[in-house]
C-alpha atoms as a PDB file:
ATOM      1  CA  UNK A   1      86.368 118.465 106.538  1.00  0.00           C
ATOM      2  CA  UNK A   2      83.665 115.801 106.607  1.00  0.00           C
ATOM      3  CA  UNK A   3      84.344 112.636 104.604  1.00  0.00           C
ATOM      4  CA  UNK A   4      80.939 112.747 102.921  1.00  0.00           C
ATOM      5  CA  UNK A   5      81.615 116.287 101.710  1.00  0.00           C
ATOM      6  CA  UNK A   6      84.983 115.162 100.285  1.00  0.00           C
ATOM      7  CA  UNK A   7      83.282 112.331  98.409  1.00  0.00           C
ATOM      8  CA  UNK A   8      80.531 114.544  97.052  1.00  0.00           C
ATOM      9  CA  UNK A   9      83.025 117.129  95.802  1.00  0.00           C
ATOM     10  CA  UNK A  10      85.363 114.537  94.255  1.00  0.00           C
ATOM     11  CA  UNK A  11      82.449 112.881  92.433  1.00  0.00           C
ATOM     12  CA  UNK A  12      82.263 115.993  90.280  1.00  0.00           C
ATOM     13  CA  UNK A  13      85.920 115.638  89.311  1.00  0.00           C
ATOM     14  CA  UNK A  14      86.590 111.889  88.846  1.00  0.00           C
ATOM     15  CA  UNK A  15      84.603 108.685  88.234  1.00  0.00           C
ATOM     16  CA  UNK A  16      82.474 108.140  91.344  1.00  0.00           C
ATOM     17  CA  UNK A  17      82.797 104.353  90.894  1.00  0.00           C
ATOM     18  CA  UNK A  18      86.447 104.682  91.932  1.00  0.00           C
ATOM     19  CA  UNK A  19      85.540 106.289  95.295  1.00  0.00           C
ATOM     20  CA  UNK A  20      84.506 104.527  98.527  1.00  0.00           C
ATOM     21  CA  UNK A  21      83.357 106.132 101.775  1.00  0.00           C
ATOM     22  CA  UNK A  22      84.612 104.628 105.074  1.00  0.00           C
ATOM     23  CA  UNK A  23      86.386 101.708 103.432  1.00  0.00           C
ATOM     24  CA  UNK A  24      87.529  98.934 105.849  1.00  0.00           C
ATOM     25  CA  UNK A  25      91.267  98.669 105.216  1.00  0.00           C
ATOM     26  CA  UNK A  26      91.511  95.144 106.610  1.00  0.00           C
ATOM     27  CA  UNK A  27      90.073  94.148 103.234  1.00  0.00           C
ATOM     28  CA  UNK A  28      93.134  95.639 101.538  1.00  0.00           C
ATOM     29  CA  UNK A  29      95.998  94.603 103.826  1.00  0.00           C
ATOM     30  CA  UNK A  30      97.842  91.283 103.868  1.00  0.00           C
ATOM     31  CA  UNK A  31      97.614  91.143 107.675  1.00  0.00           C
ATOM     32  CA  UNK A  32      93.812  91.355 107.411  1.00  0.00           C
ATOM     33  CA  UNK A  33      93.858  94.097 110.042  1.00  0.00           C
ATOM     34  CA  UNK A  34      93.358  97.858 110.095  1.00  0.00           C
ATOM     35  CA  UNK A  35      90.663 100.461 110.599  1.00  0.00           C
ATOM     36  CA  UNK A  36      88.718 102.417 108.011  1.00  0.00           C
ATOM     37  CA  UNK A  37      89.822 104.958 105.431  1.00  0.00           C
ATOM     38  CA  UNK A  38      87.591 108.021 105.413  1.00  0.00           C
ATOM     39  CA  UNK A  39      87.775 108.229 101.625  1.00  0.00           C
ATOM     40  CA  UNK A  40      89.307 105.400  99.577  1.00  0.00           C
ATOM     41  CA  UNK A  41      90.065 106.009  95.910  1.00  0.00           C
ATOM     42  CA  UNK A  42      91.273 103.600  93.214  1.00  0.00           C
ATOM     43  CA  UNK A  43      92.130 105.953  90.338  1.00  0.00           C
ATOM     44  CA  UNK A  44      92.327 104.586  86.812  1.00  0.00           C
ATOM     45  CA  UNK A  45      94.317 107.377  85.147  1.00  0.00           C
ATOM     46  CA  UNK A  46      97.287 109.593  85.960  1.00  0.00           C
ATOM     47  CA  UNK A  47      95.054 112.623  85.479  1.00  0.00           C
ATOM     48  CA  UNK A  48      92.790 111.298  88.267  1.00  0.00           C
ATOM     49  CA  UNK A  49      95.768 111.130  90.629  1.00  0.00           C
ATOM     50  CA  UNK A  50      96.711 114.693  89.744  1.00  0.00           C
ATOM     51  CA  UNK A  51      93.135 115.877  90.317  1.00  0.00           C
ATOM     52  CA  UNK A  52      92.983 114.187  93.730  1.00  0.00           C
ATOM     53  CA  UNK A  53      96.383 115.616  94.750  1.00  0.00           C
ATOM     54  CA  UNK A  54      95.376 119.130  93.714  1.00  0.00           C
ATOM     55  CA  UNK A  55      92.066 118.801  95.569  1.00  0.00           C
ATOM     56  CA  UNK A  56      93.693 117.427  98.732  1.00  0.00           C
ATOM     57  CA  UNK A  57      96.359 120.118  98.741  1.00  0.00           C
ATOM     58  CA  UNK A  58      93.867 122.940  98.200  1.00  0.00           C
ATOM     59  CA  UNK A  59      91.655 121.696 101.047  1.00  0.00           C
ATOM     60  CA  UNK A  60      94.534 120.704 103.374  1.00  0.00           C
ATOM     61  CA  UNK A  61      93.284 117.115 103.488  1.00  0.00           C
ATOM     62  CA  UNK A  62      95.706 114.335 104.535  1.00  0.00           C
ATOM     63  CA  UNK A  63      96.669 112.078 101.615  1.00  0.00           C
ATOM     64  CA  UNK A  64      98.034 108.528 101.912  1.00  0.00           C
ATOM     65  CA  UNK A  65      99.131 106.245  99.068  1.00  0.00           C
ATOM     66  CA  UNK A  66      98.935 102.460  99.445  1.00  0.00           C
ATOM     67  CA  UNK A  67     100.367  99.717  97.283  1.00  0.00           C
ATOM     68  CA  UNK A  68      98.713  96.327  97.537  1.00  0.00           C
ATOM     69  CA  UNK A  69      98.895  96.309 101.335  1.00  0.00           C
ATOM     70  CA  UNK A  70     101.573  93.627 101.668  1.00  0.00           C
ATOM     71  CA  UNK A  71     104.187  95.542 103.663  1.00  0.00           C
ATOM     72  CA  UNK A  72     102.005  97.856 105.700  1.00  0.00           C
ATOM     73  CA  UNK A  73     100.320  97.769 109.097  1.00  0.00           C
ATOM     74  CA  UNK A  74      97.372 100.153 109.403  1.00  0.00           C
ATOM     75  CA  UNK A  75      96.486 100.997 112.991  1.00  0.00           C
ATOM     76  CA  UNK A  76      93.000 100.097 114.204  1.00  0.00           C
ATOM     77  CA  UNK A  77      91.651 103.655 114.088  1.00  0.00           C
ATOM     78  CA  UNK A  78      92.406 103.776 110.383  1.00  0.00           C
ATOM     79  CA  UNK A  79      93.385 106.642 108.119  1.00  0.00           C
ATOM     80  CA  UNK A  80      91.872 110.095 107.987  1.00  0.00           C
ATOM     81  CA  UNK A  81      91.452 112.078 104.801  1.00  0.00           C
ATOM     82  CA  UNK A  82      92.010 110.445 101.412  1.00  0.00           C
ATOM     83  CA  UNK A  83      93.692 107.111 100.707  1.00  0.00           C
ATOM     84  CA  UNK A  84      94.779 106.283  97.159  1.00  0.00           C
ATOM     85  CA  UNK A  85      95.299 102.652  96.112  1.00  0.00           C
ATOM     86  CA  UNK A  86      96.904 102.086  92.720  1.00  0.00           C
ATOM     87  CA  UNK A  87      95.642  98.603  91.920  1.00  0.00           C
ATOM     88  CA  UNK A  88      94.257  99.724  88.545  1.00  0.00           C
ATOM     89  CA  UNK A  89      97.788 100.695  87.440  1.00  0.00           C
ATOM     90  CA  UNK A  90      98.569  97.038  86.782  1.00  0.00           C
ATOM     91  CA  UNK A  91      99.522  96.740  83.117  1.00  0.00           C
ATOM     92  CA  UNK A  92     102.691  94.835  82.136  1.00  0.00           C
ATOM     93  CA  UNK A  93     104.269  94.988  78.677  1.00  0.00           C
ATOM     94  CA  UNK A  94     107.520  94.033  76.951  1.00  0.00           C
ATOM     95  CA  UNK A  95     109.764  96.115  74.711  1.00  0.00           C
ATOM     96  CA  UNK A  96     112.901  94.205  73.759  1.00  0.00           C
ATOM     97  CA  UNK A  97     114.775  93.422  76.971  1.00  0.00           C
ATOM     98  CA  UNK A  98     112.704  95.876  78.984  1.00  0.00           C
ATOM     99  CA  UNK A  99     109.515  95.252  80.968  1.00  0.00           C
ATOM    100  CA  UNK A 100     107.238  98.244  81.527  1.00  0.00           C
ATOM    101  CA  UNK A 101     104.964  97.731  84.522  1.00  0.00           C
ATOM    102  CA  UNK A 102     102.355  99.811  86.290  1.00  0.00           C
ATOM    103  CA  UNK A 103     103.028 100.487  89.959  1.00  0.00           C
ATOM    104  CA  UNK A 104      99.996  98.468  91.009  1.00  0.00           C
ATOM    105  CA  UNK A 105     101.095  95.330  89.163  1.00  0.00           C
ATOM    106  CA  UNK A 106     102.389  92.499  91.332  1.00  0.00           C
ATOM    107  CA  UNK A 107     106.152  92.145  91.175  1.00  0.00           C
ATOM    108  CA  UNK A 108     105.600  88.359  91.085  1.00  0.00           C
ATOM    109  CA  UNK A 109     103.646  88.771  87.845  1.00  0.00           C
ATOM    110  CA  UNK A 110     106.446  90.884  86.392  1.00  0.00           C
ATOM    111  CA  UNK A 111     108.955  88.141  87.179  1.00  0.00           C
ATOM    112  CA  UNK A 112     106.668  85.596  85.504  1.00  0.00           C
ATOM    113  CA  UNK A 113     106.406  87.790  82.426  1.00  0.00           C
ATOM    114  CA  UNK A 114     110.201  87.904  82.343  1.00  0.00           C
ATOM    115  CA  UNK A 115     110.304  84.104  82.424  1.00  0.00           C
ATOM    116  CA  UNK A 116     107.778  83.805  79.588  1.00  0.00           C
ATOM    117  CA  UNK A 117     109.983  86.044  77.435  1.00  0.00           C
ATOM    118  CA  UNK A 118     113.239  84.324  78.406  1.00  0.00           C
ATOM    119  CA  UNK A 119     114.562  87.362  80.281  1.00  0.00           C
ATOM    120  CA  UNK A 120     116.800  87.009  83.334  1.00  0.00           C
ATOM    121  CA  UNK A 121     117.323  89.366  86.267  1.00  0.00           C
ATOM    122  CA  UNK A 122     114.013  89.207  88.135  1.00  0.00           C
ATOM    123  CA  UNK A 123     114.184  85.622  89.374  1.00  0.00           C
ATOM    124  CA  UNK A 124     114.627  86.867  92.958  1.00  0.00           C
ATOM    125  CA  UNK A 125     111.197  88.550  92.819  1.00  0.00           C
ATOM    126  CA  UNK A 126     109.208  85.394  92.055  1.00  0.00           C
ATOM    127  CA  UNK A 127     108.051  85.109  95.671  1.00  0.00           C
ATOM    128  CA  UNK A 128     107.848  88.728  96.784  1.00  0.00           C
ATOM    129  CA  UNK A 129     104.147  89.478  97.447  1.00  0.00           C
ATOM    130  CA  UNK A 130     104.300  93.254  96.992  1.00  0.00           C
ATOM    131  CA  UNK A 131     103.419  95.577  94.144  1.00  0.00           C
ATOM    132  CA  UNK A 132     105.871  97.102  91.688  1.00  0.00           C
ATOM    133  CA  UNK A 133     105.524 100.432  93.477  1.00  0.00           C
ATOM    134  CA  UNK A 134     106.249  98.826  96.829  1.00  0.00           C
ATOM    135  CA  UNK A 135     109.281  97.042  95.378  1.00  0.00           C
ATOM    136  CA  UNK A 136     110.697 100.369  94.236  1.00  0.00           C
ATOM    137  CA  UNK A 137     110.013 102.173  97.490  1.00  0.00           C
ATOM    138  CA  UNK A 138     111.645  99.502  99.673  1.00  0.00           C
ATOM    139  CA  UNK A 139     114.255  98.314  97.159  1.00  0.00           C
ATOM    140  CA  UNK A 140     112.692  94.897  97.656  1.00  0.00           C
ATOM    141  CA  UNK A 141     115.029  91.963  97.448  1.00  0.00           C
ATOM    142  CA  UNK A 142     115.469  88.274  98.145  1.00  0.00           C
ATOM    143  CA  UNK A 143     117.994  85.492  97.558  1.00  0.00           C
ATOM    144  CA  UNK A 144     120.796  87.889  96.692  1.00  0.00           C
ATOM    145  CA  UNK A 145     118.834  90.037  94.224  1.00  0.00           C
ATOM    146  CA  UNK A 146     117.439  93.547  94.641  1.00  0.00           C
ATOM    147  CA  UNK A 147     115.152  95.853  92.694  1.00  0.00           C
ATOM    148  CA  UNK A 148     118.019  98.336  92.335  1.00  0.00           C
ATOM    149  CA  UNK A 149     119.903  95.951  90.029  1.00  0.00           C
ATOM    150  CA  UNK A 150     117.209  95.945  87.347  1.00  0.00           C
ATOM    151  CA  UNK A 151     115.282  99.232  87.607  1.00  0.00           C
ATOM    152  CA  UNK A 152     116.052 101.515  84.663  1.00  0.00           C
ATOM    153  CA  UNK A 153     113.403 104.255  84.794  1.00  0.00           C
ATOM    154  CA  UNK A 154     110.363 105.291  86.807  1.00  0.00           C
ATOM    155  CA  UNK A 155     107.496 107.685  86.257  1.00  0.00           C
ATOM    156  CA  UNK A 156     106.093 109.434  89.312  1.00  0.00           C
ATOM    157  CA  UNK A 157     103.621 112.123  90.251  1.00  0.00           C
ATOM    158  CA  UNK A 158     104.897 114.588  92.844  1.00  0.00           C
ATOM    159  CA  UNK A 159     102.687 115.907  95.623  1.00  0.00           C
ATOM    160  CA  UNK A 160     102.519 119.148  93.655  1.00  0.00           C
ATOM    161  CA  UNK A 161     100.872 117.164  90.826  1.00  0.00           C
ATOM    162  CA  UNK A 162     103.882 117.255  88.480  1.00  0.00           C
ATOM    163  CA  UNK A 163     104.597 114.227  86.283  1.00  0.00           C
ATOM    164  CA  UNK A 164     108.313 113.390  86.581  1.00  0.00           C
ATOM    165  CA  UNK A 165     110.513 110.855  84.785  1.00  0.00           C
ATOM    166  CA  UNK A 166     113.343 109.458  86.922  1.00  0.00           C
ATOM    167  CA  UNK A 167     116.462 107.589  85.799  1.00  0.00           C
ATOM    168  CA  UNK A 168     119.055 105.389  87.524  1.00  0.00           C
ATOM    169  CA  UNK A 169     121.035 108.356  88.865  1.00  0.00           C
ATOM    170  CA  UNK A 170     117.932 109.575  90.710  1.00  0.00           C
ATOM    171  CA  UNK A 171     116.986 106.439  92.651  1.00  0.00           C
ATOM    172  CA  UNK A 172     119.375 106.673  95.650  1.00  0.00           C
ATOM    173  CA  UNK A 173     118.919 103.010  96.500  1.00  0.00           C
ATOM    174  CA  UNK A 174     120.103 101.522  99.791  1.00  0.00           C
ATOM    175  CA  UNK A 175     119.059  98.644 102.014  1.00  0.00           C
ATOM    176  CA  UNK A 176     115.258  98.815 102.096  1.00  0.00           C
ATOM    177  CA  UNK A 177     115.258 102.461 101.114  1.00  0.00           C
ATOM    178  CA  UNK A 178     115.304 104.694  98.052  1.00  0.00           C
ATOM    179  CA  UNK A 179     114.512 108.203  96.877  1.00  0.00           C
ATOM    180  CA  UNK A 180     110.866 107.101  97.083  1.00  0.00           C
ATOM    181  CA  UNK A 181     111.131 106.764 100.883  1.00  0.00           C
ATOM    182  CA  UNK A 182     112.628 110.250 101.115  1.00  0.00           C
ATOM    183  CA  UNK A 183     110.408 112.263  98.770  1.00  0.00           C
ATOM    184  CA  UNK A 184     106.656 112.530  98.313  1.00  0.00           C
ATOM    185  CA  UNK A 185     106.401 110.707  95.009  1.00  0.00           C
ATOM    186  CA  UNK A 186     103.496 108.603  93.793  1.00  0.00           C
ATOM    187  CA  UNK A 187     104.970 105.937  91.524  1.00  0.00           C
ATOM    188  CA  UNK A 188     102.843 105.164  88.476  1.00  0.00           C
ATOM    189  CA  UNK A 189     105.183 103.158  86.220  1.00  0.00           C
ATOM    190  CA  UNK A 190     108.548 101.380  86.254  1.00  0.00           C
ATOM    191  CA  UNK A 191     110.868 100.163  83.515  1.00  0.00           C
ATOM    192  CA  UNK A 192     113.021  97.117  84.281  1.00  0.00           C
ATOM    193  CA  UNK A 193     116.004  96.318  82.081  1.00  0.00           C
ATOM    194  CA  UNK A 194     116.795  92.611  81.909  1.00  0.00           C
ATOM    195  CA  UNK A 195     119.075  90.318  79.911  1.00  0.00           C
ATOM    196  CA  UNK A 196     118.302  87.457  77.506  1.00  0.00           C
ATOM    197  CA  UNK A 197     118.480  84.085  79.216  1.00  0.00           C
ATOM    198  CA  UNK A 198     117.551  80.429  78.899  1.00  0.00           C
ATOM    199  CA  UNK A 199     113.974  79.619  79.842  1.00  0.00           C
ATOM    200  CA  UNK A 200     114.866  76.331  81.534  1.00  0.00           C
ATOM    201  CA  UNK A 201     117.616  77.920  83.647  1.00  0.00           C
ATOM    202  CA  UNK A 202     115.429  80.866  84.664  1.00  0.00           C
ATOM    203  CA  UNK A 203     112.553  78.567  85.598  1.00  0.00           C
ATOM    204  CA  UNK A 204     114.821  76.253  87.571  1.00  0.00           C
ATOM    205  CA  UNK A 205     116.069  79.160  89.661  1.00  0.00           C
ATOM    206  CA  UNK A 206     112.545  80.487  90.229  1.00  0.00           C
ATOM    207  CA  UNK A 207     111.312  77.017  91.209  1.00  0.00           C
ATOM    208  CA  UNK A 208     114.183  76.733  93.696  1.00  0.00           C
ATOM    209  CA  UNK A 209     113.365  80.099  95.251  1.00  0.00           C
ATOM    210  CA  UNK A 210     109.657  79.212  95.418  1.00  0.00           C
ATOM    211  CA  UNK A 211     110.390  75.900  97.142  1.00  0.00           C
ATOM    212  CA  UNK A 212     112.647  77.631  99.669  1.00  0.00           C
ATOM    213  CA  UNK A 213     110.000  80.229 100.394  1.00  0.00           C
ATOM    214  CA  UNK A 214     107.238  77.661 100.826  1.00  0.00           C
ATOM    215  CA  UNK A 215     109.438  75.568 103.123  1.00  0.00           C
ATOM    216  CA  UNK A 216     110.580  78.428 105.342  1.00  0.00           C
ATOM    217  CA  UNK A 217     107.780  81.009 105.399  1.00  0.00           C
ATOM    218  CA  UNK A 218     104.332  80.752 107.061  1.00  0.00           C
ATOM    219  CA  UNK A 219     102.333  81.356 103.899  1.00  0.00           C
ATOM    220  CA  UNK A 220      99.260  79.637 105.337  1.00  0.00           C
ATOM    221  CA  UNK A 221      98.459  82.659 107.537  1.00  0.00           C
ATOM    222  CA  UNK A 222      97.898  86.361 106.834  1.00  0.00           C
ATOM    223  CA  UNK A 223     101.040  88.389 107.523  1.00  0.00           C
ATOM    224  CA  UNK A 224     102.958  91.457 106.389  1.00  0.00           C
ATOM    225  CA  UNK A 225     106.040  89.425 105.448  1.00  0.00           C
ATOM    226  CA  UNK A 226     109.330  90.160 107.193  1.00  0.00           C
ATOM    227  CA  UNK A 227     108.503  92.491 110.071  1.00  0.00           C
ATOM    228  CA  UNK A 228     112.018  93.736 110.809  1.00  0.00           C
ATOM    229  CA  UNK A 229     114.975  94.951 108.795  1.00  0.00           C
ATOM    230  CA  UNK A 230     118.179  92.930 108.978  1.00  0.00           C
ATOM    231  CA  UNK A 231     120.381  94.458 111.705  1.00  0.00           C
ATOM    232  CA  UNK A 232     124.036  94.885 110.668  1.00  0.00           C
ATOM    233  CA  UNK A 233     125.851  91.636 111.387  1.00  0.00           C
ATOM    234  CA  UNK A 234     122.708  89.750 112.418  1.00  0.00           C
ATOM    235  CA  UNK A 235     119.480  88.231 111.142  1.00  0.00           C
ATOM    236  CA  UNK A 236     116.309  89.494 112.796  1.00  0.00           C
ATOM    237  CA  UNK A 237     114.566  86.131 112.703  1.00  0.00           C
ATOM    238  CA  UNK A 238     117.528  84.368 114.334  1.00  0.00           C
ATOM    239  CA  UNK A 239     117.693  86.957 117.131  1.00  0.00           C
ATOM    240  CA  UNK A 240     113.975  86.530 117.819  1.00  0.00           C
ATOM    241  CA  UNK A 241     114.268  82.740 117.692  1.00  0.00           C
ATOM    242  CA  UNK A 242     117.265  82.737 120.034  1.00  0.00           C
ATOM    243  CA  UNK A 243     115.282  84.931 122.415  1.00  0.00           C
ATOM    244  CA  UNK A 244     112.810  82.055 122.742  1.00  0.00           C
ATOM    245  CA  UNK A 245     109.936  84.035 121.264  1.00  0.00           C
ATOM    246  CA  UNK A 246     108.588  81.697 118.581  1.00  0.00           C
ATOM    247  CA  UNK A 247     104.964  80.877 119.284  1.00  0.00           C
ATOM    248  CA  UNK A 248     104.508  83.922 121.525  1.00  0.00           C
ATOM    249  CA  UNK A 249     101.004  85.353 121.125  1.00  0.00           C
ATOM    250  CA  UNK A 250      99.318  88.609 121.945  1.00  0.00           C
ATOM    251  CA  UNK A 251      95.634  88.480 121.075  1.00  0.00           C
ATOM    252  CA  UNK A 252      95.351  86.866 117.663  1.00  0.00           C
ATOM    253  CA  UNK A 253      98.893  87.729 116.543  1.00  0.00           C
ATOM    254  CA  UNK A 254     101.707  85.206 116.874  1.00  0.00           C
ATOM    255  CA  UNK A 255     105.452  85.146 116.232  1.00  0.00           C
ATOM    256  CA  UNK A 256     105.557  82.367 113.684  1.00  0.00           C
ATOM    257  CA  UNK A 257     106.804  78.959 114.772  1.00  0.00           C
ATOM    258  CA  UNK A 258     107.959  78.419 111.184  1.00  0.00           C
ATOM    259  CA  UNK A 259     109.956  81.647 110.721  1.00  0.00           C
ATOM    260  CA  UNK A 260     110.580  83.953 113.681  1.00  0.00           C
ATOM    261  CA  UNK A 261     110.901  86.989 111.406  1.00  0.00           C
ATOM    262  CA  UNK A 262     107.178  86.793 110.651  1.00  0.00           C
ATOM    263  CA  UNK A 263     104.207  87.762 112.803  1.00  0.00           C
ATOM    264  CA  UNK A 264     101.083  85.960 111.614  1.00  0.00           C
ATOM    265  CA  UNK A 265      97.382  86.537 112.135  1.00  0.00           C
ATOM    266  CA  UNK A 266      96.286  83.205 113.579  1.00  0.00           C
ATOM    267  CA  UNK A 267      92.994  84.185 115.200  1.00  0.00           C
ATOM    268  CA  UNK A 268      91.331  87.445 114.218  1.00  0.00           C
ATOM    269  CA  UNK A 269      94.236  89.650 115.261  1.00  0.00           C
ATOM    270  CA  UNK A 270      93.970  93.412 115.444  1.00  0.00           C
ATOM    271  CA  UNK A 271      96.696  95.819 114.424  1.00  0.00           C
ATOM    272  CA  UNK A 272      97.076  96.635 118.110  1.00  0.00           C
ATOM    273  CA  UNK A 273      97.907  92.973 118.743  1.00  0.00           C
ATOM    274  CA  UNK A 274     100.576  93.207 116.036  1.00  0.00           C
ATOM    275  CA  UNK A 275     102.041  96.422 117.433  1.00  0.00           C
ATOM    276  CA  UNK A 276     102.212  95.072 120.992  1.00  0.00           C
ATOM    277  CA  UNK A 277     103.928  91.912 119.762  1.00  0.00           C
ATOM    278  CA  UNK A 278     106.394  93.936 117.675  1.00  0.00           C
ATOM    279  CA  UNK A 279     107.271  96.029 120.719  1.00  0.00           C
ATOM    280  CA  UNK A 280     107.581  92.927 122.899  1.00  0.00           C
ATOM    281  CA  UNK A 281     109.981  91.280 120.432  1.00  0.00           C
ATOM    282  CA  UNK A 282     112.039  94.477 120.234  1.00  0.00           C
ATOM    283  CA  UNK A 283     112.275  94.678 124.035  1.00  0.00           C
ATOM    284  CA  UNK A 284     113.305  91.030 124.477  1.00  0.00           C
ATOM    285  CA  UNK A 285     115.946  91.140 121.733  1.00  0.00           C
ATOM    286  CA  UNK A 286     117.314  94.385 123.164  1.00  0.00           C
ATOM    287  CA  UNK A 287     117.518  92.825 126.643  1.00  0.00           C
ATOM    288  CA  UNK A 288     119.190  89.614 125.483  1.00  0.00           C
ATOM    289  CA  UNK A 289     121.489  90.824 122.700  1.00  0.00           C
ATOM    290  CA  UNK A 290     121.636  94.618 122.961  1.00  0.00           C
ATOM    291  CA  UNK A 291     120.421  94.872 119.350  1.00  0.00           C
ATOM    292  CA  UNK A 292     117.762  97.313 118.209  1.00  0.00           C
ATOM    293  CA  UNK A 293     115.281  95.795 115.770  1.00  0.00           C
ATOM    294  CA  UNK A 294     113.979  98.332 113.284  1.00  0.00           C
ATOM    295  CA  UNK A 295     110.655  97.627 111.584  1.00  0.00           C
ATOM    296  CA  UNK A 296     110.649  96.968 107.877  1.00  0.00           C
ATOM    297  CA  UNK A 297     106.858  96.981 107.742  1.00  0.00           C
ATOM    298  CA  UNK A 298     105.454 100.476 107.340  1.00  0.00           C
ATOM    299  CA  UNK A 299     103.190 101.411 110.275  1.00  0.00           C
ATOM    300  CA  UNK A 300     100.593 104.072 109.501  1.00  0.00           C
ATOM    301  CA  UNK A 301      97.256 105.354 110.757  1.00  0.00           C
ATOM    302  CA  UNK A 302      95.804 106.857 113.915  1.00  0.00           C
ATOM    303  CA  UNK A 303      96.702 105.510 117.369  1.00  0.00           C
END
């Protein structure tokens, strides 16, 4: 089905200002790479998501959901069909010891809200660049903390358009995985349950984590964050470093000289540059240590 026809038909069902035709996804990703999305939609309401799902299903149109683009690598030929980005689902509110956040809110902002209200439990998230939805999907964590320790409830839309409320027993959290990686759910809201704490102590811990991140991570360049999952018994960055790969470039992509677990866009890199460098690092680590590096970054789009 032609993209223009999809747009014209969807304009009769949802606000046309939320729809873009042939949107360049490099504008949405943290790597600043990626091809175009045929149809790019930023819905403002749950009902809009349900309408788009129903439409896509009835027309057999591929449907992709993106967070804020921090942990994703979109191939250079882009994404066919419809892409939904949930950046308008970004509200954050407080009810007692709970923070209710839209899936498009930044998890950093949620941690800052917790600090402002003297709530402890989300200090680890103060430097994670992803969205709330992304944090749930990947069970995002840092400095000994994980999303699984504080998530109480989540509201999702299934790919059949059903609105579902999930609780702790439903999440199936593991290392960088969850029920959200297994099932076709579109996360719209999360409820985090925290504990009362001392503002000064919470801030001190967040400041420490921020300083560590700034000292160790190449924040001055576009990147997708940690490229690889931590192999059992190893650290991916250390394996890459010990393979002598820091500073290795393919095209405009480089294995960071500051942190070998990061691949940075130093000079107009393409997603193909990233993918070739990922594969090269995997091959060299396999040759030297016999360890398979599995990508943490989600790789999507047409080859």
